PDB file of N, CA and C in Angstrom:
ATOM      1  N   MET A   1     326.292  79.347 -91.564  1.00  0.00           N
ATOM      2  CA  MET A   1     325.358  80.430 -91.486  1.00  0.00           C
ATOM      3  C   MET A   1     324.185  80.186 -92.452  1.00  0.00           C
ATOM      4  N   MET A   2     324.486  79.645 -93.633  1.00  0.00           N
ATOM      5  CA  MET A   2     323.412  79.399 -94.596  1.00  0.00           C
ATOM      6  C   MET A   2     322.448  78.342 -94.058  1.00  0.00           C
ATOM      7  N   ARG A   3     322.976  77.297 -93.449  1.00  0.00           N
ATOM      8  CA  ARG A   3     322.101  76.275 -92.876  1.00  0.00           C
ATOM      9  C   ARG A   3     321.271  76.853 -91.738  1.00  0.00           C
ATOM     10  N   LYS A   4     321.900  77.619 -90.895  1.00  0.00           N
ATOM     11  CA  LYS A   4     321.196  78.216 -89.754  1.00  0.00           C
ATOM     12  C   LYS A   4     320.058  79.110 -90.230  1.00  0.00           C
ATOM     13  N   ASN A   5     320.309  79.899 -91.265  1.00  0.00           N
ATOM     14  CA  ASN A   5     319.299  80.821 -91.780  1.00  0.00           C
ATOM     15  C   ASN A   5     318.385  80.194 -92.833  1.00  0.00           C
ATOM     16  N   LYS A   6     318.710  78.951 -93.235  1.00  0.00           N
ATOM     17  CA  LYS A   6     317.943  78.249 -94.274  1.00  0.00           C
ATOM     18  C   LYS A   6     317.800  79.105 -95.531  1.00  0.00           C
ATOM     19  N   TYR A   7     318.931  79.726 -95.880  1.00  0.00           N
ATOM     20  CA  TYR A   7     318.943  80.615 -97.033  1.00  0.00           C
ATOM     21  C   TYR A   7     320.363  80.704 -97.561  1.00  0.00           C
ATOM     22  N   GLY A   8     320.488  80.779 -98.859  1.00  0.00           N
ATOM     23  CA  GLY A   8     321.795  81.004 -99.467  1.00  0.00           C
ATOM     24  C   GLY A   8     322.046  80.074-100.630  1.00  0.00           C
ATOM     25  N   ARG A   9     323.113  80.358-101.306  1.00  0.00           N
ATOM     26  CA  ARG A   9     323.470  79.556-102.479  1.00  0.00           C
ATOM     27  C   ARG A   9     324.980  79.648-102.662  1.00  0.00           C
ATOM     28  N   ILE A  10     325.578  78.541-103.038  1.00  0.00           N
ATOM     29  CA  ILE A  10     327.001  78.517-103.337  1.00  0.00           C
ATOM     30  C   ILE A  10     327.158  78.496-104.849  1.00  0.00           C
ATOM     31  N   VAL A  11     327.948  79.416-105.367  1.00  0.00           N
ATOM     32  CA  VAL A  11     328.239  79.472-106.793  1.00  0.00           C
ATOM     33  C   VAL A  11     329.747  79.310-106.945  1.00  0.00           C
ATOM     34  N   ASN A  12     330.170  78.189-107.521  1.00  0.00           N
ATOM     35  CA  ASN A  12     331.593  77.968-107.790  1.00  0.00           C
ATOM     36  C   ASN A  12     331.951  78.685-109.083  1.00  0.00           C
ATOM     37  N   VAL A  13     333.060  79.389-109.071  1.00  0.00           N
ATOM     38  CA  VAL A  13     333.477  80.177-110.225  1.00  0.00           C
ATOM     39  C   VAL A  13     334.799  79.629-110.752  1.00  0.00           C
ATOM     40  N   SER A  14     334.873  79.479-112.063  1.00  0.00           N
ATOM     41  CA  SER A  14     336.074  78.957-112.699  1.00  0.00           C
ATOM     42  C   SER A  14     336.277  79.666-114.029  1.00  0.00           C
ATOM     43  N   SER A  15     337.488  79.638-114.500  1.00  0.00           N
ATOM     44  CA  SER A  15     337.732  80.092-115.859  1.00  0.00           C
ATOM     45  C   SER A  15     337.331  78.966-116.799  1.00  0.00           C
ATOM     46  N   ARG A  16     337.389  79.204-118.062  1.00  0.00           N
ATOM     47  CA  ARG A  16     337.079  78.134-119.007  1.00  0.00           C
ATOM     48  C   ARG A  16     338.125  77.025-118.959  1.00  0.00           C
ATOM     49  N   TYR A  17     339.262  77.259-118.321  1.00  0.00           N
ATOM     50  CA  TYR A  17     340.238  76.189-118.151  1.00  0.00           C
ATOM     51  C   TYR A  17     339.676  75.074-117.282  1.00  0.00           C
ATOM     52  N   GLY A  18     338.637  75.348-116.521  1.00  0.00           N
ATOM     53  CA  GLY A  18     337.989  74.321-115.731  1.00  0.00           C
ATOM     54  C   GLY A  18     337.110  73.408-116.561  1.00  0.00           C
ATOM     55  N   GLN A  19     336.892  73.741-117.799  1.00  0.00           N
ATOM     56  CA  GLN A  19     336.037  72.970-118.702  1.00  0.00           C
ATOM     57  C   GLN A  19     336.866  71.866-119.348  1.00  0.00           C
ATOM     58  N   LEU A  20     336.603  70.633-119.009  1.00  0.00           N
ATOM     59  CA  LEU A  20     337.419  69.514-119.476  1.00  0.00           C
ATOM     60  C   LEU A  20     337.278  69.229-120.962  1.00  0.00           C
ATOM     61  N   SER A  21     336.132  69.541-121.548  1.00  0.00           N
ATOM     62  CA  SER A  21     335.894  69.155-122.937  1.00  0.00           C
ATOM     63  C   SER A  21     336.745  69.924-123.944  1.00  0.00           C
ATOM     64  N   THR A  22     337.357  71.047-123.557  1.00  0.00           N
ATOM     65  CA  THR A  22     338.166  71.816-124.511  1.00  0.00           C
ATOM     66  C   THR A  22     339.572  72.106-123.984  1.00  0.00           C
ATOM     67  N   MET A  23     340.080  71.275-123.120  1.00  0.00           N
ATOM     68  CA  MET A  23     341.393  71.537-122.523  1.00  0.00           C
ATOM     69  C   MET A  23     342.514  71.569-123.550  1.00  0.00           C
ATOM     70  N   GLU A  24     342.370  70.911-124.662  1.00  0.00           N
ATOM     71  CA  GLU A  24     343.453  70.832-125.631  1.00  0.00           C
ATOM     72  C   GLU A  24     343.624  72.088-126.476  1.00  0.00           C
ATOM     73  N   ARG A  25     342.813  73.076-126.295  1.00  0.00           N
ATOM     74  CA  ARG A  25     342.843  74.251-127.183  1.00  0.00           C
ATOM     75  C   ARG A  25     343.972  75.237-126.906  1.00  0.00           C
ATOM     76  N   GLY A  26     344.588  75.211-125.762  1.00  0.00           N
ATOM     77  CA  GLY A  26     345.756  76.057-125.521  1.00  0.00           C
ATOM     78  C   GLY A  26     345.463  77.391-124.882  1.00  0.00           C
ATOM     79  N   ASP A  27     346.522  78.191-124.710  1.00  0.00           N
ATOM     80  CA  ASP A  27     346.454  79.445-123.964  1.00  0.00           C
ATOM     81  C   ASP A  27     345.939  80.636-124.757  1.00  0.00           C
ATOM     82  N   ALA A  28     346.235  80.727-126.021  1.00  0.00           N
ATOM     83  CA  ALA A  28     345.927  81.940-126.784  1.00  0.00           C
ATOM     84  C   ALA A  28     344.440  82.272-126.764  1.00  0.00           C
ATOM     85  N   ALA A  29     343.595  81.303-127.026  1.00  0.00           N
ATOM     86  CA  ALA A  29     342.151  81.561-127.041  1.00  0.00           C
ATOM     87  C   ALA A  29     341.659  81.982-125.666  1.00  0.00           C
ATOM     88  N   TYR A  30     342.208  81.390-124.621  1.00  0.00           N
ATOM     89  CA  TYR A  30     341.816  81.756-123.254  1.00  0.00           C
ATOM     90  C   TYR A  30     342.154  83.218-122.973  1.00  0.00           C
ATOM     91  N   ARG A  31     343.372  83.614-123.267  1.00  0.00           N
ATOM     92  CA  ARG A  31     343.769  84.998-122.976  1.00  0.00           C
ATOM     93  C   ARG A  31     342.939  85.992-123.778  1.00  0.00           C
ATOM     94  N   ILE A  32     342.705  85.705-125.032  1.00  0.00           N
ATOM     95  CA  ILE A  32     341.917  86.593-125.877  1.00  0.00           C
ATOM     96  C   ILE A  32     340.481  86.674-125.383  1.00  0.00           C
ATOM     97  N   SER A  33     339.929  85.555-124.898  1.00  0.00           N
ATOM     98  CA  SER A  33     338.535  85.548-124.451  1.00  0.00           C
ATOM     99  C   SER A  33     338.317  86.450-123.248  1.00  0.00           C
ATOM    100  N   LYS A  34     339.350  86.751-122.492  1.00  0.00           N
ATOM    101  CA  LYS A  34     339.206  87.580-121.304  1.00  0.00           C
ATOM    102  C   LYS A  34     339.285  89.075-121.616  1.00  0.00           C
ATOM    103  N   THR A  35     339.844  89.457-122.750  1.00  0.00           N
ATOM    104  CA  THR A  35     340.073  90.876-123.018  1.00  0.00           C
ATOM    105  C   THR A  35     338.812  91.685-123.320  1.00  0.00           C
ATOM    106  N   PRO A  36     337.725  91.176-123.974  1.00  0.00           N
ATOM    107  CA  PRO A  36     336.577  92.040-124.283  1.00  0.00           C
ATOM    108  C   PRO A  36     335.631  92.283-123.120  1.00  0.00           C
ATOM    109  N   LEU A  37     335.738  91.519-122.016  1.00  0.00           N
ATOM    110  CA  LEU A  37     334.746  91.634-120.955  1.00  0.00           C
ATOM    111  C   LEU A  37     335.083  92.744-119.961  1.00  0.00           C
ATOM    112  N   THR A  38     334.077  93.516-119.625  1.00  0.00           N
ATOM    113  CA  THR A  38     334.214  94.470-118.519  1.00  0.00           C
ATOM    114  C   THR A  38     333.984  93.693-117.220  1.00  0.00           C
ATOM    115  N   PRO A  39     334.358  94.257-116.063  1.00  0.00           N
ATOM    116  CA  PRO A  39     334.061  93.566-114.801  1.00  0.00           C
ATOM    117  C   PRO A  39     332.561  93.278-114.639  1.00  0.00           C
ATOM    118  N   GLU A  40     331.735  94.197-115.074  1.00  0.00           N
ATOM    119  CA  GLU A  40     330.287  93.992-114.975  1.00  0.00           C
ATOM    120  C   GLU A  40     329.837  92.815-115.836  1.00  0.00           C
ATOM    121  N   GLN A  41     330.382  92.715-117.044  1.00  0.00           N
ATOM    122  CA  GLN A  41     330.029  91.593-117.918  1.00  0.00           C
ATOM    123  C   GLN A  41     330.544  90.273-117.341  1.00  0.00           C
ATOM    124  N   GLY A  42     331.727  90.298-116.773  1.00  0.00           N
ATOM    125  CA  GLY A  42     332.293  89.096-116.176  1.00  0.00           C
ATOM    126  C   GLY A  42     331.485  88.605-114.984  1.00  0.00           C
ATOM    127  N   ALA A  43     330.895  89.516-114.240  1.00  0.00           N
ATOM    128  CA  ALA A  43     330.108  89.156-113.057  1.00  0.00           C
ATOM    129  C   ALA A  43     328.665  88.793-113.387  1.00  0.00           C
ATOM    130  N   GLU A  44     328.200  89.111-114.571  1.00  0.00           N
ATOM    131  CA  GLU A  44     326.786  88.938-114.910  1.00  0.00           C
ATOM    132  C   GLU A  44     326.289  87.507-114.719  1.00  0.00           C
ATOM    133  N   THR A  45     326.999  86.506-115.217  1.00  0.00           N
ATOM    134  CA  THR A  45     326.555  85.123-115.084  1.00  0.00           C
ATOM    135  C   THR A  45     326.634  84.657-113.635  1.00  0.00           C
ATOM    136  N   ILE A  46     327.624  85.122-112.889  1.00  0.00           N
ATOM    137  CA  ILE A  46     327.753  84.756-111.477  1.00  0.00           C
ATOM    138  C   ILE A  46     326.547  85.268-110.696  1.00  0.00           C
ATOM    139  N   VAL A  47     326.192  86.517-110.900  1.00  0.00           N
ATOM    140  CA  VAL A  47     325.026  87.093-110.217  1.00  0.00           C
ATOM    141  C   VAL A  47     323.757  86.371-110.648  1.00  0.00           C
ATOM    142  N   TRP A  48     323.635  86.087-111.925  1.00  0.00           N
ATOM    143  CA  TRP A  48     322.479  85.347-112.450  1.00  0.00           C
ATOM    144  C   TRP A  48     322.344  84.003-111.748  1.00  0.00           C
ATOM    145  N   ALA A  49     323.452  83.262-111.649  1.00  0.00           N
ATOM    146  CA  ALA A  49     323.411  81.942-111.013  1.00  0.00           C
ATOM    147  C   ALA A  49     323.078  82.045-109.525  1.00  0.00           C
ATOM    148  N   ALA A  50     323.613  83.059-108.879  1.00  0.00           N
ATOM    149  CA  ALA A  50     323.377  83.226-107.439  1.00  0.00           C
ATOM    150  C   ALA A  50     321.942  83.620-107.132  1.00  0.00           C
ATOM    151  N   THR A  51     321.239  84.156-108.091  1.00  0.00           N
ATOM    152  CA  THR A  51     319.872  84.627-107.830  1.00  0.00           C
ATOM    153  C   THR A  51     318.806  83.770-108.516  1.00  0.00           C
ATOM    154  N   LEU A  52     319.182  82.601-109.025  1.00  0.00           N
ATOM    155  CA  LEU A  52     318.194  81.691-109.595  1.00  0.00           C
ATOM    156  C   LEU A  52     317.218  81.255-108.501  1.00  0.00           C
ATOM    157  N   PRO A  53     315.982  80.957-108.864  1.00  0.00           N
ATOM    158  CA  PRO A  53     315.041  80.449-107.857  1.00  0.00           C
ATOM    159  C   PRO A  53     315.478  79.075-107.355  1.00  0.00           C
ATOM    160  N   ASP A  54     314.945  78.656-106.230  1.00  0.00           N
ATOM    161  CA  ASP A  54     315.307  77.348-105.665  1.00  0.00           C
ATOM    162  C   ASP A  54     315.069  76.210-106.645  1.00  0.00           C
ATOM    163  N   SER A  55     314.121  76.376-107.536  1.00  0.00           N
ATOM    164  CA  SER A  55     313.833  75.338-108.526  1.00  0.00           C
ATOM    165  C   SER A  55     314.712  75.464-109.771  1.00  0.00           C
ATOM    166  N   GLY A  56     315.659  76.392-109.752  1.00  0.00           N
ATOM    167  CA  GLY A  56     316.514  76.643-110.908  1.00  0.00           C
ATOM    168  C   GLY A  56     317.540  75.549-111.134  1.00  0.00           C
ATOM    169  N   LEU A  57     318.334  75.717-112.163  1.00  0.00           N
ATOM    170  CA  LEU A  57     319.363  74.746-112.536  1.00  0.00           C
ATOM    171  C   LEU A  57     320.400  74.604-111.434  1.00  0.00           C
ATOM    172  N   THR A  58     320.963  73.415-111.317  1.00  0.00           N
ATOM    173  CA  THR A  58     322.004  73.175-110.327  1.00  0.00           C
ATOM    174  C   THR A  58     322.993  72.141-110.862  1.00  0.00           C
ATOM    175  N   GLY A  59     324.242  72.232-110.421  1.00  0.00           N
ATOM    176  CA  GLY A  59     325.242  71.258-110.826  1.00  0.00           C
ATOM    177  C   GLY A  59     325.628  71.331-112.291  1.00  0.00           C
ATOM    178  N   LYS A  60     325.541  72.498-112.883  1.00  0.00           N
ATOM    179  CA  LYS A  60     325.845  72.678-114.310  1.00  0.00           C
ATOM    180  C   LYS A  60     327.029  73.623-114.467  1.00  0.00           C
ATOM    181  N   PHE A  61     327.539  73.713-115.679  1.00  0.00           N
ATOM    182  CA  PHE A  61     328.647  74.601-116.018  1.00  0.00           C
ATOM    183  C   PHE A  61     328.119  75.612-117.024  1.00  0.00           C
ATOM    184  N   PHE A  62     328.263  76.903-116.729  1.00  0.00           N
ATOM    185  CA  PHE A  62     327.669  77.949-117.556  1.00  0.00           C
ATOM    186  C   PHE A  62     328.705  78.941-118.062  1.00  0.00           C
ATOM    187  N   SER A  63     328.412  79.508-119.193  1.00  0.00           N
ATOM    188  CA  SER A  63     329.155  80.638-119.737  1.00  0.00           C
ATOM    189  C   SER A  63     328.129  81.570-120.361  1.00  0.00           C
ATOM    190  N   GLU A  64     328.166  82.801-119.986  1.00  0.00           N
ATOM    191  CA  GLU A  64     327.229  83.799-120.504  1.00  0.00           C
ATOM    192  C   GLU A  64     325.773  83.343-120.361  1.00  0.00           C
ATOM    193  N   LYS A  65     325.453  82.819-119.186  1.00  0.00           N
ATOM    194  CA  LYS A  65     324.106  82.374-118.806  1.00  0.00           C
ATOM    195  C   LYS A  65     323.584  81.213-119.648  1.00  0.00           C
ATOM    196  N   LYS A  66     324.474  80.502-120.321  1.00  0.00           N
ATOM    197  CA  LYS A  66     324.088  79.353-121.123  1.00  0.00           C
ATOM    198  C   LYS A  66     324.881  78.144-120.637  1.00  0.00           C
ATOM    199  N   GLU A  67     324.220  76.991-120.552  1.00  0.00           N
ATOM    200  CA  GLU A  67     324.905  75.777-120.139  1.00  0.00           C
ATOM    201  C   GLU A  67     325.893  75.357-121.227  1.00  0.00           C
ATOM    202  N   ILE A  68     327.099  74.985-120.799  1.00  0.00           N
ATOM    203  CA  ILE A  68     328.109  74.476-121.712  1.00  0.00           C
ATOM    204  C   ILE A  68     328.567  73.113-121.237  1.00  0.00           C
ATOM    205  N   GLU A  69     329.178  72.337-122.125  1.00  0.00           N
ATOM    206  CA  GLU A  69     329.657  71.003-121.779  1.00  0.00           C
ATOM    207  C   GLU A  69     330.728  71.076-120.724  1.00  0.00           C
ATOM    208  N   TRP A  70     330.739  70.119-119.846  1.00  0.00           N
ATOM    209  CA  TRP A  70     331.760  70.030-118.818  1.00  0.00           C
ATOM    210  C   TRP A  70     332.973  69.361-119.412  1.00  0.00           C
TER     211      TRP A  70
END
């Protein structure tokens, strides 16, 4: 449908466990990092990425609208 309409964007969503550079840190920090966010805060970066202009960033890994290491 996106090709047919020549419009759209795919945003892949992952937890920070998808980030390879910090895999050795364990479960505790991950669980704690999820507790302060409201659903609106959790969706903010996803919506931001989905609405970037066509000339915007692509193929990057983001947290809180900031690029982080993969």
